[in-house]
Amino acid sequence: MKRNATAVWEGSLKEGNGKISTQSTVLSNAQYSFKTRFEQGNGTNPEELIAAAHAGCFTMQLTAYLNEAGFRVASIETKCDIDFQDGSVVGSHLSVIGRVDAISTDKFQELVKKAETTCPISRLLNTKITSNATLVLP
């Protein structure tokens, strides 16, 4: 399986702008610019897209581990904060809220840590990855 996305940039770094599109067309000419990356602006930026990819990937991996262990998942909600400093992604923090039937907090935390280190996007990122997880019984 291979997936792709395309970015097109026009103009200088600070005054120019770009458009990002994905193979699935979920993003189709989504606007991004210097302002949307480093200031405030209307559009997306690469770090936000990494955060979305990491949150989505981790959530699917955690759900798979919970299902494999025999637990029924009502919902998993993950927020990913990407830490971008001095031109580098230096961290990714996952905040997780899980609604899972009949699971202990210890088992839930164990599977969160396992997913944190093994989801494909975690393995792709060469950065510090941390998480905190809250189990809410349905």
Protein backbone atom coordinates (compact mmCIF):
# COMPACT_ATOMS: atom_id res chain seq x y z
CA MET A 1 0.00 0.00 0.00
CA LYS A 2 1.24 3.46 -0.86
CA ARG A 3 -0.43 6.78 -0.12
CA ASN A 4 0.44 10.23 -1.41
CA ALA A 5 -0.14 13.92 -0.98
CA THR A 6 0.95 16.87 -3.08
CA ALA A 7 2.12 20.33 -2.05
CA VAL A 8 2.43 23.27 -4.43
CA TRP A 9 4.07 26.53 -3.30
CA GLU A 10 4.02 29.84 -5.15
CA GLY A 11 6.05 32.92 -4.31
CA SER A 12 8.55 33.73 -1.60
CA LEU A 13 8.57 32.02 1.79
CA LYS A 14 7.00 34.87 3.77
CA GLU A 15 4.67 36.35 1.18
CA GLY A 16 3.88 33.24 -0.84
CA ASN A 17 1.42 30.50 -0.17
CA GLY A 18 0.77 26.90 -0.94
CA LYS A 19 -1.89 24.30 -1.39
CA ILE A 20 -1.87 20.74 -0.09
CA SER A 21 -3.97 17.93 -1.55
CA THR A 22 -4.27 14.29 -0.55
CA GLN A 23 -4.84 11.23 -2.69
CA SER A 24 -8.21 10.65 -1.00
CA THR A 25 -9.18 14.29 -1.74
CA VAL A 26 -10.11 14.83 1.92
CA LEU A 27 -7.69 17.73 1.56
CA SER A 28 -8.10 19.36 -1.81
CA ASN A 29 -6.04 22.49 -2.34
CA ALA A 30 -6.00 23.18 1.41
CA GLN A 31 -4.26 26.51 1.94
CA TYR A 32 -1.06 26.86 3.95
CA SER A 33 1.42 29.70 4.30
CA PHE A 34 4.17 31.18 6.45
CA LYS A 35 1.47 32.85 8.55
CA THR A 36 -0.48 29.62 9.12
CA ARG A 37 2.72 27.92 10.20
CA PHE A 38 4.49 30.51 12.32
CA GLU A 39 1.86 33.14 13.14
CA GLN A 40 -1.93 33.19 12.90
CA GLY A 41 -3.61 32.63 9.62
CA ASN A 42 -6.43 30.83 7.89
CA GLY A 43 -5.25 27.42 6.71
CA THR A 44 -3.19 24.46 7.84
CA ASN A 45 0.50 23.71 8.39
CA PRO A 46 2.77 20.66 8.30
CA GLU A 47 2.88 20.28 12.10
CA GLU A 48 -0.91 20.27 12.36
CA LEU A 49 -1.05 17.57 9.70
CA ILE A 50 1.56 15.51 11.59
CA ALA A 51 -0.55 15.89 14.76
CA ALA A 52 -3.64 14.66 12.91
CA ALA A 53 -1.74 11.70 11.46
CA HIS A 54 -0.23 10.75 14.83
CA ALA A 55 -3.55 11.06 16.72
CA GLY A 56 -5.38 9.00 14.09
CA CYS A 57 -2.73 6.31 13.82
CA PHE A 58 -2.26 5.93 17.58
CA THR A 59 -6.03 5.75 18.17
CA MET A 60 -6.43 2.96 15.62
CA GLN A 61 -3.43 1.05 17.05
CA LEU A 62 -4.74 1.34 20.63
CA THR A 63 -8.18 0.16 19.52
CA ALA A 64 -6.60 -2.85 17.80
CA TYR A 65 -4.68 -3.79 20.96
CA LEU A 66 -7.79 -3.40 23.11
CA ASN A 67 -9.82 -5.56 20.73
CA GLU A 68 -7.07 -8.21 20.53
CA ALA A 69 -7.10 -8.35 24.35
CA GLY A 70 -10.86 -8.97 24.31
CA PHE A 71 -12.13 -5.54 25.34
CA ARG A 72 -15.05 -3.68 23.78
CA VAL A 73 -14.20 -0.08 22.95
CA ALA A 74 -17.01 2.44 23.25
CA SER A 75 -14.68 5.27 22.18
CA ILE A 76 -11.09 6.48 22.19
CA GLU A 77 -10.41 10.20 21.83
CA THR A 78 -6.84 11.33 21.26
CA LYS A 79 -5.47 14.86 21.02
CA CYS A 80 -1.92 15.18 19.71
CA ASP A 81 0.23 18.22 20.48
CA ILE A 82 3.30 18.61 18.27
CA ASP A 83 6.14 20.61 19.83
CA PHE A 84 7.93 22.57 17.08
CA GLN A 85 11.01 24.51 18.24
CA ASP A 86 13.87 26.11 16.34
CA GLY A 87 12.87 24.50 13.06
CA SER A 88 12.50 20.96 14.44
CA VAL A 89 9.73 18.76 15.75
CA VAL A 90 11.05 17.98 19.23
CA GLY A 91 8.09 16.14 20.68
CA SER A 92 4.66 14.67 20.24
CA HIS A 93 2.31 14.35 23.20
CA LEU A 94 -0.82 12.21 23.05
CA SER A 95 -3.70 12.97 25.44
CA VAL A 96 -6.07 10.01 25.48
CA ILE A 97 -9.56 9.51 26.88
CA GLY A 98 -10.77 5.93 26.63
CA ARG A 99 -14.21 4.51 27.21
CA VAL A 100 -13.64 0.78 27.41
CA ASP A 101 -15.79 -1.88 29.07
CA ALA A 102 -14.44 -4.09 31.86
CA ILE A 103 -10.79 -3.04 31.74
CA SER A 104 -8.55 -2.14 34.66
CA THR A 105 -6.72 1.16 34.68
CA ASP A 106 -3.38 -0.71 34.76
CA LYS A 107 -4.24 -2.78 31.66
CA PHE A 108 -5.48 0.31 29.84
CA GLN A 109 -2.26 2.22 30.64
CA GLU A 110 -0.17 -0.78 29.51
CA LEU A 111 -1.90 -0.89 26.13
CA VAL A 112 -1.67 2.91 25.74
CA LYS A 113 2.12 2.73 26.24
CA LYS A 114 2.36 -0.18 23.79
CA ALA A 115 0.42 1.75 21.12
CA GLU A 116 2.47 4.88 21.84
CA THR A 117 5.67 3.12 20.81
CA THR A 118 4.38 0.84 18.05
CA CYS A 119 1.91 2.75 15.92
CA PRO A 120 3.41 3.35 12.45
CA ILE A 121 3.51 7.15 12.83
CA SER A 122 5.23 6.88 16.24
CA ARG A 123 7.85 4.67 14.61
CA LEU A 124 8.25 7.18 11.77
CA LEU A 125 8.79 10.19 14.03
CA ASN A 126 12.33 10.63 15.29
CA THR A 127 11.31 12.55 18.39
CA LYS A 128 10.30 12.21 22.02
CA ILE A 129 6.78 10.78 22.30
CA THR A 130 4.80 11.02 25.55
CA SER A 131 1.23 10.39 26.58
CA ASN A 132 -1.27 10.69 29.37
CA ALA A 133 -4.41 8.60 29.42
CA THR A 134 -7.69 8.74 31.28
CA LEU A 135 -10.00 5.75 31.48
CA VAL A 136 -13.68 6.60 31.74
CA LEU A 137 -15.92 3.64 32.40
CA PRO A 138 -18.91 3.63 30.02
